Amino acid sequence: MEKELAVTFRSLCPMATGLDVLGDKWSLLILRDMLFGHKTLFNEFKESPEAMPSKMLSNRLRKLEILGFISRHKGNLNKKSVYYFLEKKGIETLPFMVELMLFTTKFYYDHLGTTYTKDVKTRMKNDKENYMNEVINHYKKFKRDIVF
């Protein structure tokens, strides 16, 4: 995929541009899996409950890499293994994800069952800043511990 073909921008509007970058139905789920679930390998992403098709997953990982949200690294022991890690831009999507989860919990609480609603209704809502700092620090420690 050519760098200049990664995203086509529809207009100069910040909302439209943001949707061009992250508005597809899969990109934020990949970032979520990385930040909250510490997923790094293709097959780990495939295990997500949303069951993203392999070709779509490949395309979105490539798009997120080209746009600087994630980086791709070959394994040291097994050269066939490819690891994906969040970069600064990917980590900075956390406030957006938290706001989306709070909105969803507010209006679709009954649908969510017992997933993450306890954290959303308490920590995310009442102590958002500390919650986000904790998630980010936990991810950074995970990345530090695993990066070769």
N, C-alpha and C. Protein backbone atom coordinates (compact mmCIF):
# COMPACT_ATOMS: atom_id res chain seq x y z
N MET A 1 0.86 -1.17 0.00
CA MET A 1 0.00 0.00 0.00
C MET A 1 0.90 1.23 0.00
N GLU A 2 0.68 2.10 -0.91
CA GLU A 2 1.46 3.33 -1.00
C GLU A 2 1.06 4.29 0.11
N LYS A 3 2.04 5.00 0.63
CA LYS A 3 1.77 5.93 1.73
C LYS A 3 0.70 6.95 1.36
N GLU A 4 0.78 7.51 0.16
CA GLU A 4 -0.18 8.53 -0.21
C GLU A 4 -1.57 7.97 -0.48
N LEU A 5 -1.70 6.66 -0.60
CA LEU A 5 -3.00 6.04 -0.85
C LEU A 5 -3.66 5.56 0.45
N ALA A 6 -3.02 5.77 1.59
CA ALA A 6 -3.52 5.24 2.85
C ALA A 6 -4.90 5.79 3.19
N VAL A 7 -5.11 7.09 3.00
CA VAL A 7 -6.38 7.70 3.35
C VAL A 7 -6.69 8.78 2.33
N THR A 8 -7.93 8.80 1.91
CA THR A 8 -8.40 9.88 1.06
C THR A 8 -9.24 10.80 1.93
N PHE A 9 -8.88 12.07 1.96
CA PHE A 9 -9.61 13.02 2.78
C PHE A 9 -10.72 13.66 1.96
N ARG A 10 -11.92 13.67 2.54
CA ARG A 10 -13.09 14.20 1.83
C ARG A 10 -13.19 15.71 1.85
N SER A 11 -12.65 16.33 2.90
CA SER A 11 -12.76 17.78 3.00
C SER A 11 -11.72 18.28 4.01
N LEU A 12 -11.73 19.58 4.24
CA LEU A 12 -10.83 20.19 5.22
C LEU A 12 -11.44 20.24 6.62
N CYS A 13 -12.66 19.74 6.78
CA CYS A 13 -13.34 19.74 8.07
C CYS A 13 -12.63 18.79 9.04
N PRO A 14 -12.30 19.26 10.27
CA PRO A 14 -11.63 18.40 11.23
C PRO A 14 -12.42 17.12 11.57
N MET A 15 -13.76 17.22 11.66
CA MET A 15 -14.57 16.04 11.96
C MET A 15 -14.49 15.05 10.81
N ALA A 16 -14.64 15.52 9.58
CA ALA A 16 -14.57 14.63 8.42
C ALA A 16 -13.18 14.01 8.28
N THR A 17 -12.14 14.80 8.52
CA THR A 17 -10.77 14.28 8.43
C THR A 17 -10.53 13.21 9.50
N GLY A 18 -11.00 13.46 10.72
CA GLY A 18 -10.88 12.47 11.78
C GLY A 18 -11.59 11.18 11.44
N LEU A 19 -12.77 11.29 10.83
CA LEU A 19 -13.50 10.10 10.41
C LEU A 19 -12.80 9.38 9.27
N ASP A 20 -12.15 10.13 8.38
CA ASP A 20 -11.38 9.50 7.30
C ASP A 20 -10.23 8.66 7.87
N VAL A 21 -9.66 9.12 8.98
CA VAL A 21 -8.53 8.43 9.59
C VAL A 21 -8.99 7.28 10.47
N LEU A 22 -9.95 7.52 11.37
CA LEU A 22 -10.34 6.52 12.36
C LEU A 22 -11.81 6.13 12.32
N GLY A 23 -12.54 6.57 11.32
CA GLY A 23 -13.98 6.38 11.30
C GLY A 23 -14.47 5.05 10.75
N ASP A 24 -13.56 4.19 10.29
CA ASP A 24 -14.04 2.89 9.83
C ASP A 24 -14.40 2.05 11.04
N LYS A 25 -15.05 0.95 10.81
CA LYS A 25 -15.57 0.18 11.92
C LYS A 25 -14.53 -0.70 12.62
N TRP A 26 -13.31 -0.79 12.10
CA TRP A 26 -12.33 -1.72 12.65
C TRP A 26 -11.12 -1.06 13.33
N SER A 27 -10.70 0.09 12.89
CA SER A 27 -9.45 0.68 13.38
C SER A 27 -9.44 0.90 14.89
N LEU A 28 -10.51 1.47 15.42
CA LEU A 28 -10.56 1.71 16.87
C LEU A 28 -10.61 0.41 17.66
N LEU A 29 -11.18 -0.64 17.07
CA LEU A 29 -11.21 -1.92 17.77
C LEU A 29 -9.80 -2.52 17.86
N ILE A 30 -9.01 -2.33 16.83
CA ILE A 30 -7.61 -2.78 16.88
C ILE A 30 -6.86 -2.00 17.95
N LEU A 31 -7.02 -0.68 17.94
CA LEU A 31 -6.36 0.16 18.95
C LEU A 31 -6.84 -0.21 20.35
N ARG A 32 -8.13 -0.48 20.50
CA ARG A 32 -8.67 -0.92 21.79
C ARG A 32 -7.99 -2.22 22.26
N ASP A 33 -7.90 -3.19 21.33
CA ASP A 33 -7.29 -4.47 21.68
C ASP A 33 -5.84 -4.31 22.09
N MET A 34 -5.15 -3.38 21.47
CA MET A 34 -3.76 -3.14 21.80
C MET A 34 -3.63 -2.46 23.16
N LEU A 35 -4.42 -1.42 23.37
CA LEU A 35 -4.29 -0.61 24.58
C LEU A 35 -4.85 -1.32 25.82
N PHE A 36 -6.02 -1.91 25.69
CA PHE A 36 -6.66 -2.54 26.84
C PHE A 36 -6.29 -4.02 26.98
N GLY A 37 -6.09 -4.71 25.85
CA GLY A 37 -5.85 -6.15 25.89
C GLY A 37 -4.41 -6.55 25.64
N HIS A 38 -3.56 -5.57 25.34
CA HIS A 38 -2.14 -5.81 25.07
C HIS A 38 -1.91 -6.85 23.98
N LYS A 39 -2.75 -6.82 22.97
CA LYS A 39 -2.58 -7.72 21.83
C LYS A 39 -1.49 -7.17 20.94
N THR A 40 -0.65 -8.06 20.41
CA THR A 40 0.47 -7.65 19.57
C THR A 40 0.58 -8.47 18.28
N LEU A 41 0.03 -9.66 18.26
CA LEU A 41 0.18 -10.56 17.12
C LEU A 41 -1.12 -10.65 16.31
N PHE A 42 -0.98 -10.87 15.02
CA PHE A 42 -2.12 -10.97 14.11
C PHE A 42 -3.17 -11.94 14.66
N ASN A 43 -2.74 -13.13 15.07
CA ASN A 43 -3.69 -14.14 15.56
C ASN A 43 -4.38 -13.73 16.85
N GLU A 44 -3.73 -12.90 17.65
CA GLU A 44 -4.39 -12.38 18.85
C GLU A 44 -5.54 -11.45 18.47
N PHE A 45 -5.34 -10.63 17.45
CA PHE A 45 -6.42 -9.75 16.98
C PHE A 45 -7.57 -10.56 16.41
N LYS A 46 -7.24 -11.68 15.76
CA LYS A 46 -8.27 -12.54 15.17
C LYS A 46 -9.19 -13.15 16.24
N GLU A 47 -8.71 -13.26 17.48
CA GLU A 47 -9.49 -13.86 18.56
C GLU A 47 -10.52 -12.90 19.16
N SER A 48 -10.51 -11.65 18.74
CA SER A 48 -11.46 -10.67 19.28
C SER A 48 -12.89 -11.08 18.95
N PRO A 49 -13.84 -10.76 19.83
CA PRO A 49 -15.23 -11.21 19.64
C PRO A 49 -15.90 -10.63 18.39
N GLU A 50 -15.36 -9.56 17.84
CA GLU A 50 -15.98 -8.96 16.65
C GLU A 50 -15.69 -9.75 15.37
N ALA A 51 -14.76 -10.70 15.42
CA ALA A 51 -14.44 -11.60 14.30
C ALA A 51 -14.13 -10.84 13.00
N MET A 52 -13.12 -10.00 13.06
CA MET A 52 -12.72 -9.24 11.88
C MET A 52 -12.14 -10.20 10.83
N PRO A 53 -12.56 -10.07 9.58
CA PRO A 53 -11.99 -10.90 8.51
C PRO A 53 -10.48 -10.65 8.37
N SER A 54 -9.73 -11.68 8.07
CA SER A 54 -8.26 -11.59 7.98
C SER A 54 -7.79 -10.51 7.03
N LYS A 55 -8.39 -10.43 5.86
CA LYS A 55 -7.97 -9.43 4.87
C LYS A 55 -8.21 -8.01 5.40
N MET A 56 -9.34 -7.82 6.06
CA MET A 56 -9.67 -6.51 6.63
C MET A 56 -8.66 -6.17 7.73
N LEU A 57 -8.34 -7.16 8.58
CA LEU A 57 -7.37 -6.94 9.64
C LEU A 57 -6.02 -6.54 9.07
N SER A 58 -5.57 -7.24 8.06
CA SER A 58 -4.30 -6.90 7.40
C SER A 58 -4.32 -5.47 6.88
N ASN A 59 -5.40 -5.12 6.20
CA ASN A 59 -5.52 -3.77 5.63
C ASN A 59 -5.52 -2.70 6.71
N ARG A 60 -6.25 -2.93 7.79
CA ARG A 60 -6.32 -1.92 8.85
C ARG A 60 -5.00 -1.80 9.60
N LEU A 61 -4.33 -2.92 9.84
CA LEU A 61 -3.01 -2.85 10.49
C LEU A 61 -2.05 -2.05 9.63
N ARG A 62 -2.07 -2.28 8.34
CA ARG A 62 -1.19 -1.55 7.42
C ARG A 62 -1.54 -0.07 7.41
N LYS A 63 -2.84 0.25 7.38
CA LYS A 63 -3.27 1.65 7.39
C LYS A 63 -2.82 2.34 8.68
N LEU A 64 -3.04 1.70 9.82
CA LEU A 64 -2.65 2.29 11.10
C LEU A 64 -1.14 2.46 11.20
N GLU A 65 -0.40 1.55 10.61
CA GLU A 65 1.06 1.68 10.59
C GLU A 65 1.50 2.85 9.72
N ILE A 66 0.94 2.94 8.53
CA ILE A 66 1.30 4.03 7.61
C ILE A 66 0.97 5.39 8.22
N LEU A 67 -0.14 5.46 8.94
CA LEU A 67 -0.55 6.73 9.54
C LEU A 67 0.16 7.03 10.86
N GLY A 68 0.99 6.10 11.34
CA GLY A 68 1.80 6.36 12.52
C GLY A 68 1.13 6.04 13.86
N PHE A 69 0.01 5.32 13.85
CA PHE A 69 -0.65 4.95 15.09
C PHE A 69 0.02 3.73 15.73
N ILE A 70 0.57 2.85 14.90
CA ILE A 70 1.21 1.64 15.39
C ILE A 70 2.53 1.43 14.65
N SER A 71 3.36 0.55 15.20
CA SER A 71 4.59 0.16 14.50
C SER A 71 4.62 -1.36 14.43
N ARG A 72 5.39 -1.84 13.49
CA ARG A 72 5.47 -3.27 13.20
C ARG A 72 6.91 -3.71 13.42
N HIS A 73 7.09 -4.85 14.12
CA HIS A 73 8.43 -5.35 14.44
C HIS A 73 8.50 -6.85 14.20
N LYS A 74 9.57 -7.30 13.61
CA LYS A 74 9.82 -8.74 13.45
C LYS A 74 10.31 -9.30 14.78
N GLY A 75 9.96 -10.55 15.05
CA GLY A 75 10.41 -11.20 16.27
C GLY A 75 11.89 -11.52 16.23
N ASN A 76 12.53 -11.53 17.39
CA ASN A 76 13.95 -11.86 17.47
C ASN A 76 14.19 -13.35 17.31
N LEU A 77 13.43 -14.16 18.03
CA LEU A 77 13.62 -15.61 17.98
C LEU A 77 12.98 -16.22 16.74
N ASN A 78 11.75 -15.86 16.49
CA ASN A 78 11.03 -16.37 15.32
C ASN A 78 10.85 -15.22 14.34
N LYS A 79 11.63 -15.22 13.28
CA LYS A 79 11.60 -14.12 12.31
C LYS A 79 10.27 -14.04 11.56
N LYS A 80 9.46 -15.09 11.62
CA LYS A 80 8.16 -15.08 10.95
C LYS A 80 7.11 -14.33 11.78
N SER A 81 7.37 -14.20 13.08
CA SER A 81 6.43 -13.49 13.95
C SER A 81 6.55 -11.98 13.72
N VAL A 82 5.40 -11.34 13.62
CA VAL A 82 5.34 -9.89 13.47
C VAL A 82 4.53 -9.34 14.64
N TYR A 83 5.13 -8.39 15.35
CA TYR A 83 4.50 -7.78 16.52
C TYR A 83 4.10 -6.35 16.18
N TYR A 84 2.94 -5.96 16.67
CA TYR A 84 2.45 -4.61 16.48
C TYR A 84 2.39 -3.92 17.83
N PHE A 85 2.86 -2.66 17.86
CA PHE A 85 2.85 -1.89 19.10
C PHE A 85 2.29 -0.50 18.84
N LEU A 86 1.62 0.04 19.84
CA LEU A 86 1.10 1.40 19.74
C LEU A 86 2.24 2.40 19.77
N GLU A 87 2.10 3.43 18.98
CA GLU A 87 2.99 4.57 19.04
C GLU A 87 2.24 5.70 19.74
N LYS A 88 2.90 6.83 19.93
CA LYS A 88 2.30 7.96 20.66
C LYS A 88 0.91 8.32 20.13
N LYS A 89 0.78 8.40 18.82
CA LYS A 89 -0.49 8.77 18.22
C LYS A 89 -1.58 7.74 18.55
N GLY A 90 -1.23 6.47 18.56
CA GLY A 90 -2.19 5.43 18.91
C GLY A 90 -2.62 5.51 20.36
N ILE A 91 -1.66 5.77 21.24
CA ILE A 91 -1.97 5.90 22.67
C ILE A 91 -2.86 7.11 22.91
N GLU A 92 -2.67 8.15 22.13
CA GLU A 92 -3.46 9.37 22.31
C GLU A 92 -4.90 9.25 21.84
N THR A 93 -5.29 8.08 21.34
CA THR A 93 -6.71 7.85 21.02
C THR A 93 -7.49 7.44 22.26
N LEU A 94 -6.81 7.16 23.38
CA LEU A 94 -7.50 6.71 24.59
C LEU A 94 -8.61 7.67 25.05
N PRO A 95 -8.38 8.97 25.15
CA PRO A 95 -9.48 9.84 25.60
C PRO A 95 -10.71 9.73 24.70
N PHE A 96 -10.49 9.61 23.41
CA PHE A 96 -11.60 9.45 22.47
C PHE A 96 -12.34 8.14 22.75
N MET A 97 -11.58 7.05 22.96
CA MET A 97 -12.20 5.76 23.25
C MET A 97 -12.98 5.80 24.55
N VAL A 98 -12.42 6.43 25.57
CA VAL A 98 -13.10 6.52 26.87
C VAL A 98 -14.40 7.29 26.72
N GLU A 99 -14.38 8.41 26.01
CA GLU A 99 -15.61 9.19 25.81
C GLU A 99 -16.66 8.39 25.05
N LEU A 100 -16.23 7.63 24.05
CA LEU A 100 -17.17 6.79 23.29
C LEU A 100 -17.76 5.71 24.19
N MET A 101 -16.94 5.11 25.05
CA MET A 101 -17.44 4.08 25.97
C MET A 101 -18.41 4.68 26.99
N LEU A 102 -18.12 5.87 27.48
CA LEU A 102 -19.03 6.53 28.42
C LEU A 102 -20.37 6.85 27.75
N PHE A 103 -20.31 7.35 26.53
CA PHE A 103 -21.53 7.65 25.77
C PHE A 103 -22.35 6.37 25.56
N THR A 104 -21.66 5.31 25.13
CA THR A 104 -22.34 4.05 24.85
C THR A 104 -22.97 3.49 26.13
N THR A 105 -22.25 3.57 27.22
CA THR A 105 -22.77 3.06 28.49
C THR A 105 -23.99 3.86 28.94
N LYS A 106 -23.95 5.15 28.70
CA LYS A 106 -25.07 6.01 29.10
C LYS A 106 -26.36 5.66 28.34
N PHE A 107 -26.23 5.39 27.05
CA PHE A 107 -27.42 5.20 26.23
C PHE A 107 -27.72 3.74 25.88
N TYR A 108 -26.77 2.84 26.05
CA TYR A 108 -26.97 1.44 25.68
C TYR A 108 -26.55 0.48 26.78
N TYR A 109 -26.69 0.91 28.02
CA TYR A 109 -26.23 0.14 29.17
C TYR A 109 -26.83 -1.27 29.18
N ASP A 110 -28.11 -1.39 28.91
CA ASP A 110 -28.77 -2.70 28.96
C ASP A 110 -28.19 -3.68 27.95
N HIS A 111 -27.75 -3.17 26.84
CA HIS A 111 -27.17 -4.05 25.80
C HIS A 111 -25.81 -4.60 26.22
N LEU A 112 -25.07 -3.88 27.01
CA LEU A 112 -23.67 -4.21 27.31
C LEU A 112 -23.50 -5.36 28.29
N GLY A 113 -24.51 -5.69 29.02
CA GLY A 113 -24.39 -6.79 29.98
C GLY A 113 -23.35 -6.47 31.04
N THR A 114 -22.46 -7.41 31.29
CA THR A 114 -21.47 -7.23 32.35
C THR A 114 -20.07 -7.02 31.78
N THR A 115 -19.95 -6.52 30.57
CA THR A 115 -18.63 -6.36 29.96
C THR A 115 -17.76 -5.43 30.79
N TYR A 116 -17.63 -4.21 30.41
CA TYR A 116 -16.76 -3.27 31.11
C TYR A 116 -17.57 -2.21 31.84
N THR A 117 -18.85 -2.42 31.96
CA THR A 117 -19.73 -1.36 32.47
C THR A 117 -19.40 -0.94 33.89
N LYS A 118 -18.89 -1.84 34.72
CA LYS A 118 -18.56 -1.47 36.10
C LYS A 118 -17.45 -0.41 36.11
N ASP A 119 -16.39 -0.63 35.31
CA ASP A 119 -15.32 0.36 35.21
C ASP A 119 -15.84 1.67 34.63
N VAL A 120 -16.68 1.56 33.61
CA VAL A 120 -17.18 2.78 32.96
C VAL A 120 -18.05 3.56 33.92
N LYS A 121 -18.92 2.88 34.60
CA LYS A 121 -19.83 3.58 35.50
C LYS A 121 -19.14 4.13 36.72
N THR A 122 -17.97 3.64 37.05
CA THR A 122 -17.29 4.13 38.24
C THR A 122 -16.01 4.87 37.86
N ARG A 123 -14.95 4.15 37.57
CA ARG A 123 -13.63 4.78 37.39
C ARG A 123 -13.58 5.71 36.19
N MET A 124 -14.01 5.24 35.03
CA MET A 124 -13.93 6.10 33.84
C MET A 124 -14.74 7.37 34.03
N LYS A 125 -15.89 7.23 34.62
CA LYS A 125 -16.78 8.37 34.77
C LYS A 125 -16.34 9.30 35.90
N ASN A 126 -15.96 8.73 37.04
CA ASN A 126 -15.68 9.55 38.22
C ASN A 126 -14.23 9.96 38.39
N ASP A 127 -13.32 9.24 37.76
CA ASP A 127 -11.89 9.51 37.92
C ASP A 127 -11.18 9.31 36.58
N LYS A 128 -11.72 9.95 35.57
CA LYS A 128 -11.29 9.73 34.19
C LYS A 128 -9.79 9.94 33.99
N GLU A 129 -9.27 11.03 34.51
CA GLU A 129 -7.85 11.36 34.29
C GLU A 129 -6.93 10.29 34.87
N ASN A 130 -7.17 9.90 36.11
CA ASN A 130 -6.34 8.87 36.73
C ASN A 130 -6.53 7.51 36.05
N TYR A 131 -7.75 7.21 35.66
CA TYR A 131 -8.01 5.95 34.96
C TYR A 131 -7.20 5.89 33.66
N MET A 132 -7.24 6.96 32.89
CA MET A 132 -6.52 6.99 31.61
C MET A 132 -5.01 6.92 31.85
N ASN A 133 -4.51 7.64 32.83
CA ASN A 133 -3.07 7.57 33.15
C ASN A 133 -2.66 6.15 33.51
N GLU A 134 -3.50 5.47 34.28
CA GLU A 134 -3.21 4.10 34.68
C GLU A 134 -3.16 3.17 33.46
N VAL A 135 -4.13 3.29 32.57
CA VAL A 135 -4.17 2.46 31.35
C VAL A 135 -2.92 2.72 30.51
N ILE A 136 -2.57 3.98 30.32
CA ILE A 136 -1.41 4.33 29.50
C ILE A 136 -0.12 3.82 30.14
N ASN A 137 0.04 4.04 31.43
CA ASN A 137 1.26 3.57 32.11
C ASN A 137 1.37 2.05 32.07
N HIS A 138 0.25 1.37 32.22
CA HIS A 138 0.24 -0.09 32.17
C HIS A 138 0.66 -0.57 30.77
N TYR A 139 0.15 0.09 29.72
CA TYR A 139 0.53 -0.28 28.36
C TYR A 139 2.01 0.00 28.11
N LYS A 140 2.48 1.16 28.54
CA LYS A 140 3.90 1.51 28.33
C LYS A 140 4.82 0.52 29.03
N LYS A 141 4.45 0.08 30.23
CA LYS A 141 5.25 -0.91 30.94
C LYS A 141 5.23 -2.24 30.17
N PHE A 142 4.05 -2.64 29.72
CA PHE A 142 3.93 -3.86 28.91
C PHE A 142 4.84 -3.78 27.69
N LYS A 143 4.78 -2.67 26.98
CA LYS A 143 5.59 -2.49 25.77
C LYS A 143 7.08 -2.52 26.09
N ARG A 144 7.48 -1.82 27.14
CA ARG A 144 8.88 -1.81 27.57
C ARG A 144 9.38 -3.21 27.89
N ASP A 145 8.54 -3.99 28.54
CA ASP A 145 8.92 -5.34 28.96
C ASP A 145 9.04 -6.31 27.79
N ILE A 146 8.33 -6.02 26.68
CA ILE A 146 8.31 -6.98 25.58
C ILE A 146 9.14 -6.54 24.37
N VAL A 147 9.36 -5.26 24.20
CA VAL A 147 10.08 -4.77 23.01
C VAL A 147 11.53 -5.24 23.07
N PHE A 148 11.96 -5.67 21.91
CA PHE A 148 13.29 -6.28 21.79
C PHE A 148 14.37 -5.24 21.59
